[in-house]
């Protein structure tokens, strides 16, 4: 009987065939090519000489990044192998080439209540998109599994977006390295603002809506950056 690590390595090879090579697979999974090949081949432990196992958390991250259901990496896909006896993996279907972009979860921060997002009219829990859509419509992200969706709240950023509109952020960005639009909190209140660095003062929080005044986030304030906004949509009613 094949152990769990053998099954996972076999499924990594299946992913490699789907994404047309180890480099493309590594990029899709948010890791270096060397990391991917070590996982795929079961790099040997220098102490025991046996192939290293894969942690379940790593398996979950791979499944999420590849758009697979939880547990896919641990399953023997013998029915697919039987339908394809040549051993050549068929071109991926839209289901296997999709990505789930989940809601950014602010719960658990600043206590059980999480971060307050004022005037948020409900939430978008997730989007499922094709990899082609992602490649052609979202740019500048570090890795696929860092992408999250945030539902717009408040009217301070109109006309950039409206309350309830979807925004995609890169949650791997945790500091303000350059001027851009960020999702962040000060204390227990969440904000989406354009942040501009002001030497000697801190960060200037700028609203798109001219009815709101700009304000300064100085170094004494409790600031946490959740991510940089990469893409927004502005809804219109007809």
C-alpha atoms as a PDB file:
ATOM      1  CA  UNK A   1       0.000   0.000   0.000  1.00  0.00           C
ATOM      2  CA  UNK A   2       1.334   3.452  -0.920  1.00  0.00           C
ATOM      3  CA  UNK A   3       1.909   5.762   2.009  1.00  0.00           C
ATOM      4  CA  UNK A   4       0.564   9.305   2.116  1.00  0.00           C
ATOM      5  CA  UNK A   5       3.832  10.921   1.029  1.00  0.00           C
ATOM      6  CA  UNK A   6       4.059   8.698  -2.064  1.00  0.00           C
ATOM      7  CA  UNK A   7       0.498   9.657  -2.995  1.00  0.00           C
ATOM      8  CA  UNK A   8       1.266  13.348  -2.521  1.00  0.00           C
ATOM      9  CA  UNK A   9       4.407  13.137  -4.637  1.00  0.00           C
ATOM     10  CA  UNK A  10       2.466  11.381  -7.404  1.00  0.00           C
ATOM     11  CA  UNK A  11      -0.127  14.137  -7.331  1.00  0.00           C
ATOM     12  CA  UNK A  12       2.571  16.796  -7.483  1.00  0.00           C
ATOM     13  CA  UNK A  13       3.725  15.167 -10.709  1.00  0.00           C
ATOM     14  CA  UNK A  14       0.135  15.334 -11.912  1.00  0.00           C
ATOM     15  CA  UNK A  15       0.078  19.062 -11.146  1.00  0.00           C
ATOM     16  CA  UNK A  16       3.376  19.455 -12.967  1.00  0.00           C
ATOM     17  CA  UNK A  17       1.812  17.977 -16.087  1.00  0.00           C
ATOM     18  CA  UNK A  18      -1.255  20.206 -15.741  1.00  0.00           C
ATOM     19  CA  UNK A  19       0.805  23.374 -15.479  1.00  0.00           C
ATOM     20  CA  UNK A  20       3.166  22.303 -18.252  1.00  0.00           C
ATOM     21  CA  UNK A  21       6.438  21.990 -16.352  1.00  0.00           C
ATOM     22  CA  UNK A  22       8.076  22.391 -12.944  1.00  0.00           C
ATOM     23  CA  UNK A  23       8.844  26.122 -13.265  1.00  0.00           C
ATOM     24  CA  UNK A  24       5.251  27.052 -14.118  1.00  0.00           C
ATOM     25  CA  UNK A  25       3.951  24.771 -11.367  1.00  0.00           C
ATOM     26  CA  UNK A  26       6.270  26.302  -8.778  1.00  0.00           C
ATOM     27  CA  UNK A  27       5.150  29.796  -9.767  1.00  0.00           C
ATOM     28  CA  UNK A  28       1.477  28.832  -9.546  1.00  0.00           C
ATOM     29  CA  UNK A  29       2.024  27.314  -6.093  1.00  0.00           C
ATOM     30  CA  UNK A  30       3.972  30.300  -4.815  1.00  0.00           C
ATOM     31  CA  UNK A  31       7.306  28.582  -4.278  1.00  0.00           C
ATOM     32  CA  UNK A  32      10.718  28.365  -5.904  1.00  0.00           C
ATOM     33  CA  UNK A  33      11.419  25.660  -8.528  1.00  0.00           C
ATOM     34  CA  UNK A  34      13.904  24.071  -6.107  1.00  0.00           C
ATOM     35  CA  UNK A  35      11.274  23.860  -3.367  1.00  0.00           C
ATOM     36  CA  UNK A  36       8.818  22.255  -5.758  1.00  0.00           C
ATOM     37  CA  UNK A  37      11.251  19.630  -7.064  1.00  0.00           C
ATOM     38  CA  UNK A  38      12.337  18.774  -3.513  1.00  0.00           C
ATOM     39  CA  UNK A  39       8.704  18.147  -2.565  1.00  0.00           C
ATOM     40  CA  UNK A  40       7.964  16.282  -5.803  1.00  0.00           C
ATOM     41  CA  UNK A  41      11.014  14.018  -5.559  1.00  0.00           C
ATOM     42  CA  UNK A  42      11.033  13.584  -1.799  1.00  0.00           C
ATOM     43  CA  UNK A  43      14.409  15.128  -0.975  1.00  0.00           C
ATOM     44  CA  UNK A  44      16.259  12.899   1.483  1.00  0.00           C
ATOM     45  CA  UNK A  45      16.790  13.861   5.097  1.00  0.00           C
ATOM     46  CA  UNK A  46      20.518  14.231   5.725  1.00  0.00           C
ATOM     47  CA  UNK A  47      20.227  12.433   9.084  1.00  0.00           C
ATOM     48  CA  UNK A  48      17.962   9.508   8.254  1.00  0.00           C
ATOM     49  CA  UNK A  49      18.587   9.165   4.520  1.00  0.00           C
ATOM     50  CA  UNK A  50      14.840   8.779   4.000  1.00  0.00           C
ATOM     51  CA  UNK A  51      12.645  11.049   1.864  1.00  0.00           C
ATOM     52  CA  UNK A  52      11.260  13.978   3.826  1.00  0.00           C
ATOM     53  CA  UNK A  53       7.520  13.944   4.409  1.00  0.00           C
ATOM     54  CA  UNK A  54       5.167  16.790   3.593  1.00  0.00           C
ATOM     55  CA  UNK A  55       3.404  18.604   6.408  1.00  0.00           C
ATOM     56  CA  UNK A  56      -0.373  18.733   6.150  1.00  0.00           C
ATOM     57  CA  UNK A  57      -0.272  22.559   6.277  1.00  0.00           C
ATOM     58  CA  UNK A  58       1.986  22.527   3.208  1.00  0.00           C
ATOM     59  CA  UNK A  59      -0.395  20.162   1.434  1.00  0.00           C
ATOM     60  CA  UNK A  60      -3.331  22.474   2.215  1.00  0.00           C
ATOM     61  CA  UNK A  61      -1.495  25.515   0.854  1.00  0.00           C
ATOM     62  CA  UNK A  62      -0.669  23.631  -2.349  1.00  0.00           C
ATOM     63  CA  UNK A  63      -4.293  22.544  -2.796  1.00  0.00           C
ATOM     64  CA  UNK A  64      -5.555  26.100  -2.268  1.00  0.00           C
ATOM     65  CA  UNK A  65      -3.013  27.584  -4.681  1.00  0.00           C
ATOM     66  CA  UNK A  66      -3.774  24.949  -7.326  1.00  0.00           C
ATOM     67  CA  UNK A  67      -7.529  25.411  -7.007  1.00  0.00           C
ATOM     68  CA  UNK A  68      -8.038  21.864  -5.753  1.00  0.00           C
ATOM     69  CA  UNK A  69     -10.497  20.732  -3.076  1.00  0.00           C
ATOM     70  CA  UNK A  70      -9.109  19.992   0.364  1.00  0.00           C
ATOM     71  CA  UNK A  71      -7.792  16.428   0.461  1.00  0.00           C
ATOM     72  CA  UNK A  72      -7.108  16.222  -3.288  1.00  0.00           C
ATOM     73  CA  UNK A  73      -3.379  15.840  -2.734  1.00  0.00           C
ATOM     74  CA  UNK A  74      -3.969  12.866  -0.404  1.00  0.00           C
ATOM     75  CA  UNK A  75      -6.198  10.972  -2.827  1.00  0.00           C
ATOM     76  CA  UNK A  76      -5.188   8.292  -5.342  1.00  0.00           C
ATOM     77  CA  UNK A  77      -6.776   9.370  -8.619  1.00  0.00           C
ATOM     78  CA  UNK A  78      -6.876   5.866 -10.060  1.00  0.00           C
ATOM     79  CA  UNK A  79     -10.017   6.571 -12.091  1.00  0.00           C
ATOM     80  CA  UNK A  80      -8.192   9.284 -13.987  1.00  0.00           C
ATOM     81  CA  UNK A  81      -5.219   6.985 -14.514  1.00  0.00           C
ATOM     82  CA  UNK A  82      -7.480   4.213 -15.816  1.00  0.00           C
ATOM     83  CA  UNK A  83      -9.126   6.626 -18.255  1.00  0.00           C
ATOM     84  CA  UNK A  84      -5.700   7.674 -19.482  1.00  0.00           C
ATOM     85  CA  UNK A  85      -3.583   4.478 -19.681  1.00  0.00           C
ATOM     86  CA  UNK A  86      -0.840   6.124 -21.714  1.00  0.00           C
ATOM     87  CA  UNK A  87       0.331   7.970 -18.601  1.00  0.00           C
ATOM     88  CA  UNK A  88       0.124  11.300 -20.421  1.00  0.00           C
ATOM     89  CA  UNK A  89      -1.907  13.780 -18.428  1.00  0.00           C
ATOM     90  CA  UNK A  90      -4.733  15.301 -20.416  1.00  0.00           C
ATOM     91  CA  UNK A  91      -5.051  19.040 -20.837  1.00  0.00           C
ATOM     92  CA  UNK A  92      -6.603  20.537 -17.720  1.00  0.00           C
ATOM     93  CA  UNK A  93     -10.271  21.367 -17.593  1.00  0.00           C
ATOM     94  CA  UNK A  94     -11.550  24.710 -16.361  1.00  0.00           C
ATOM     95  CA  UNK A  95     -12.194  23.135 -12.970  1.00  0.00           C
ATOM     96  CA  UNK A  96      -8.575  22.112 -12.483  1.00  0.00           C
ATOM     97  CA  UNK A  97      -7.332  25.433 -13.866  1.00  0.00           C
ATOM     98  CA  UNK A  98      -9.299  27.610 -11.473  1.00  0.00           C
ATOM     99  CA  UNK A  99      -8.275  29.590  -8.423  1.00  0.00           C
ATOM    100  CA  UNK A 100     -10.333  30.434  -5.360  1.00  0.00           C
ATOM    101  CA  UNK A 101      -9.734  33.919  -3.976  1.00  0.00           C
ATOM    102  CA  UNK A 102     -11.037  33.898  -0.425  1.00  0.00           C
ATOM    103  CA  UNK A 103     -12.262  36.724   1.759  1.00  0.00           C
ATOM    104  CA  UNK A 104      -9.568  38.349   3.900  1.00  0.00           C
ATOM    105  CA  UNK A 105     -10.370  37.285   7.450  1.00  0.00           C
ATOM    106  CA  UNK A 106      -9.850  40.047  10.015  1.00  0.00           C
ATOM    107  CA  UNK A 107     -11.385  37.913  12.770  1.00  0.00           C
ATOM    108  CA  UNK A 108      -9.145  37.108  15.711  1.00  0.00           C
ATOM    109  CA  UNK A 109      -7.269  40.390  15.421  1.00  0.00           C
ATOM    110  CA  UNK A 110      -7.779  42.881  18.237  1.00  0.00           C
ATOM    111  CA  UNK A 111      -9.788  40.327  20.195  1.00  0.00           C
ATOM    112  CA  UNK A 112     -12.666  38.030  19.330  1.00  0.00           C
ATOM    113  CA  UNK A 113     -14.625  40.782  17.590  1.00  0.00           C
ATOM    114  CA  UNK A 114     -11.877  41.350  15.039  1.00  0.00           C
ATOM    115  CA  UNK A 115     -11.414  44.630  13.173  1.00  0.00           C
ATOM    116  CA  UNK A 116     -14.374  46.936  12.671  1.00  0.00           C
ATOM    117  CA  UNK A 117     -15.134  47.722   9.019  1.00  0.00           C
ATOM    118  CA  UNK A 118     -17.707  50.488   9.223  1.00  0.00           C
ATOM    119  CA  UNK A 119     -20.619  50.669   6.785  1.00  0.00           C
ATOM    120  CA  UNK A 120     -19.806  47.401   5.037  1.00  0.00           C
ATOM    121  CA  UNK A 121     -23.030  46.194   3.338  1.00  0.00           C
ATOM    122  CA  UNK A 122     -22.440  42.442   3.602  1.00  0.00           C
ATOM    123  CA  UNK A 123     -19.394  40.551   2.380  1.00  0.00           C
ATOM    124  CA  UNK A 124     -18.187  38.713  -0.706  1.00  0.00           C
ATOM    125  CA  UNK A 125     -16.957  35.425   0.746  1.00  0.00           C
ATOM    126  CA  UNK A 126     -14.949  34.162  -2.220  1.00  0.00           C
ATOM    127  CA  UNK A 127     -14.445  34.257  -5.966  1.00  0.00           C
ATOM    128  CA  UNK A 128     -13.558  31.327  -8.203  1.00  0.00           C
ATOM    129  CA  UNK A 129     -11.735  32.441 -11.333  1.00  0.00           C
ATOM    130  CA  UNK A 130      -9.769  30.788 -14.101  1.00  0.00           C
ATOM    131  CA  UNK A 131      -5.999  31.098 -14.133  1.00  0.00           C
ATOM    132  CA  UNK A 132      -6.254  32.776 -17.513  1.00  0.00           C
ATOM    133  CA  UNK A 133      -8.509  35.465 -16.028  1.00  0.00           C
ATOM    134  CA  UNK A 134      -6.061  35.945 -13.161  1.00  0.00           C
ATOM    135  CA  UNK A 135      -3.053  36.238 -15.454  1.00  0.00           C
ATOM    136  CA  UNK A 136      -4.780  38.746 -17.736  1.00  0.00           C
ATOM    137  CA  UNK A 137      -6.589  40.859 -15.141  1.00  0.00           C
ATOM    138  CA  UNK A 138      -4.530  40.975 -11.934  1.00  0.00           C
ATOM    139  CA  UNK A 139      -0.903  42.062 -11.922  1.00  0.00           C
ATOM    140  CA  UNK A 140       1.789  42.783  -9.386  1.00  0.00           C
ATOM    141  CA  UNK A 141       1.028  40.059  -6.836  1.00  0.00           C
ATOM    142  CA  UNK A 142       3.746  38.004  -5.150  1.00  0.00           C
ATOM    143  CA  UNK A 143       2.014  34.611  -5.271  1.00  0.00           C
ATOM    144  CA  UNK A 144      -1.451  33.243  -5.945  1.00  0.00           C
ATOM    145  CA  UNK A 145      -2.156  32.151  -2.390  1.00  0.00           C
ATOM    146  CA  UNK A 146      -1.484  35.696  -1.134  1.00  0.00           C
ATOM    147  CA  UNK A 147      -4.489  37.062  -3.026  1.00  0.00           C
ATOM    148  CA  UNK A 148      -7.591  37.856  -0.977  1.00  0.00           C
ATOM    149  CA  UNK A 149     -10.874  39.591  -1.626  1.00  0.00           C
ATOM    150  CA  UNK A 150     -12.110  42.494   0.485  1.00  0.00           C
ATOM    151  CA  UNK A 151     -15.629  43.903   0.258  1.00  0.00           C
ATOM    152  CA  UNK A 152     -15.613  47.688  -0.001  1.00  0.00           C
ATOM    153  CA  UNK A 153     -16.909  49.622   2.989  1.00  0.00           C
ATOM    154  CA  UNK A 154     -17.726  53.272   3.653  1.00  0.00           C
ATOM    155  CA  UNK A 155     -17.887  56.021   1.035  1.00  0.00           C
ATOM    156  CA  UNK A 156     -14.544  57.729   1.641  1.00  0.00           C
ATOM    157  CA  UNK A 157     -12.946  56.138  -1.430  1.00  0.00           C
ATOM    158  CA  UNK A 158     -15.662  57.058  -3.914  1.00  0.00           C
ATOM    159  CA  UNK A 159     -15.461  57.265  -6.896  1.00  0.00           C
ATOM    160  CA  UNK A 160     -12.676  54.635  -6.889  1.00  0.00           C
ATOM    161  CA  UNK A 161     -15.158  52.044  -5.570  1.00  0.00           C
ATOM    162  CA  UNK A 162     -18.500  51.916  -3.773  1.00  0.00           C
ATOM    163  CA  UNK A 163     -19.503  50.153  -0.549  1.00  0.00           C
ATOM    164  CA  UNK A 164     -20.061  46.480  -1.393  1.00  0.00           C
ATOM    165  CA  UNK A 165     -17.723  46.464  -4.391  1.00  0.00           C
ATOM    166  CA  UNK A 166     -14.987  43.805  -4.657  1.00  0.00           C
ATOM    167  CA  UNK A 167     -11.314  44.617  -4.136  1.00  0.00           C
ATOM    168  CA  UNK A 168      -8.401  42.219  -4.576  1.00  0.00           C
ATOM    169  CA  UNK A 169      -5.413  42.646  -2.270  1.00  0.00           C
ATOM    170  CA  UNK A 170      -1.975  41.063  -1.945  1.00  0.00           C
ATOM    171  CA  UNK A 171      -1.914  40.006   1.714  1.00  0.00           C
ATOM    172  CA  UNK A 172       1.841  39.315   1.646  1.00  0.00           C
ATOM    173  CA  UNK A 173       2.448  43.089   1.687  1.00  0.00           C
ATOM    174  CA  UNK A 174       2.692  44.009   5.363  1.00  0.00           C
ATOM    175  CA  UNK A 175       4.463  47.367   5.209  1.00  0.00           C
ATOM    176  CA  UNK A 176       4.287  50.585   3.192  1.00  0.00           C
ATOM    177  CA  UNK A 177       7.351  50.513   0.972  1.00  0.00           C
ATOM    178  CA  UNK A 178       5.899  52.920  -1.604  1.00  0.00           C
ATOM    179  CA  UNK A 179       2.843  55.109  -2.091  1.00  0.00           C
ATOM    180  CA  UNK A 180      -0.241  53.077  -3.066  1.00  0.00           C
ATOM    181  CA  UNK A 181      -3.700  52.055  -1.852  1.00  0.00           C
ATOM    182  CA  UNK A 182      -3.619  49.763   1.197  1.00  0.00           C
ATOM    183  CA  UNK A 183      -5.993  47.849   3.449  1.00  0.00           C
ATOM    184  CA  UNK A 184      -4.958  48.401   7.064  1.00  0.00           C
ATOM    185  CA  UNK A 185      -6.099  49.078  10.591  1.00  0.00           C
ATOM    186  CA  UNK A 186      -5.359  51.751  13.162  1.00  0.00           C
ATOM    187  CA  UNK A 187      -6.394  50.476  16.569  1.00  0.00           C
ATOM    188  CA  UNK A 188      -9.437  48.291  16.010  1.00  0.00           C
ATOM    189  CA  UNK A 189     -10.827  50.181  13.010  1.00  0.00           C
ATOM    190  CA  UNK A 190     -10.132  49.096   9.454  1.00  0.00           C
ATOM    191  CA  UNK A 191      -9.435  51.450   6.551  1.00  0.00           C
ATOM    192  CA  UNK A 192      -8.764  51.432   2.826  1.00  0.00           C
ATOM    193  CA  UNK A 193      -6.789  54.534   1.892  1.00  0.00           C
ATOM    194  CA  UNK A 194      -4.081  55.782  -0.366  1.00  0.00           C
ATOM    195  CA  UNK A 195      -1.001  55.991   1.858  1.00  0.00           C
ATOM    196  CA  UNK A 196       1.706  58.516   1.088  1.00  0.00           C
ATOM    197  CA  UNK A 197       4.979  58.566   3.005  1.00  0.00           C
ATOM    198  CA  UNK A 198       5.812  61.953   4.527  1.00  0.00           C
ATOM    199  CA  UNK A 199       9.422  62.230   5.763  1.00  0.00           C
ATOM    200  CA  UNK A 200       9.631  63.117   9.426  1.00  0.00           C
ATOM    201  CA  UNK A 201       5.890  62.800  10.013  1.00  0.00           C
ATOM    202  CA  UNK A 202       4.687  59.316   9.088  1.00  0.00           C
ATOM    203  CA  UNK A 203       2.032  58.325   6.584  1.00  0.00           C
ATOM    204  CA  UNK A 204      -0.615  60.541   5.043  1.00  0.00           C
ATOM    205  CA  UNK A 205      -3.951  58.703   4.679  1.00  0.00           C
ATOM    206  CA  UNK A 206      -5.687  60.093   1.592  1.00  0.00           C
ATOM    207  CA  UNK A 207      -9.340  59.571   0.649  1.00  0.00           C
ATOM    208  CA  UNK A 208     -10.585  59.725  -2.948  1.00  0.00           C
ATOM    209  CA  UNK A 209     -13.806  61.388  -1.796  1.00  0.00           C
ATOM    210  CA  UNK A 210     -13.086  65.147  -1.450  1.00  0.00           C
ATOM    211  CA  UNK A 211     -15.605  65.376   1.403  1.00  0.00           C
ATOM    212  CA  UNK A 212     -13.063  63.592   3.626  1.00  0.00           C
ATOM    213  CA  UNK A 213      -9.939  65.289   4.930  1.00  0.00           C
ATOM    214  CA  UNK A 214      -6.514  63.659   4.778  1.00  0.00           C
ATOM    215  CA  UNK A 215      -4.997  62.627   8.100  1.00  0.00           C
ATOM    216  CA  UNK A 216      -1.585  61.571   9.374  1.00  0.00           C
ATOM    217  CA  UNK A 217      -0.686  58.161  10.807  1.00  0.00           C
ATOM    218  CA  UNK A 218       2.262  58.914  13.058  1.00  0.00           C
ATOM    219  CA  UNK A 219       4.693  56.339  14.509  1.00  0.00           C
ATOM    220  CA  UNK A 220       2.916  56.356  17.897  1.00  0.00           C
ATOM    221  CA  UNK A 221      -0.285  54.898  16.409  1.00  0.00           C
ATOM    222  CA  UNK A 222      -1.118  51.190  16.400  1.00  0.00           C
ATOM    223  CA  UNK A 223      -0.875  50.531  12.648  1.00  0.00           C
ATOM    224  CA  UNK A 224      -1.085  47.113  10.971  1.00  0.00           C
ATOM    225  CA  UNK A 225      -1.016  46.728   7.183  1.00  0.00           C
ATOM    226  CA  UNK A 226      -3.144  43.837   5.881  1.00  0.00           C
ATOM    227  CA  UNK A 227      -2.217  44.159   2.222  1.00  0.00           C
ATOM    228  CA  UNK A 228      -1.868  46.339  -0.858  1.00  0.00           C
ATOM    229  CA  UNK A 229      -4.898  46.832  -3.073  1.00  0.00           C
ATOM    230  CA  UNK A 230      -4.210  45.541  -6.589  1.00  0.00           C
ATOM    231  CA  UNK A 231      -7.592  45.734  -8.291  1.00  0.00           C
ATOM    232  CA  UNK A 232     -10.956  47.356  -7.626  1.00  0.00           C
ATOM    233  CA  UNK A 233     -14.312  47.348  -9.374  1.00  0.00           C
ATOM    234  CA  UNK A 234     -16.815  50.195  -9.290  1.00  0.00           C
ATOM    235  CA  UNK A 235     -20.444  49.177  -9.517  1.00  0.00           C
ATOM    236  CA  UNK A 236     -23.235  51.144 -11.172  1.00  0.00           C
ATOM    237  CA  UNK A 237     -26.961  50.701 -10.745  1.00  0.00           C
ATOM    238  CA  UNK A 238     -29.230  50.653 -13.791  1.00  0.00           C
END
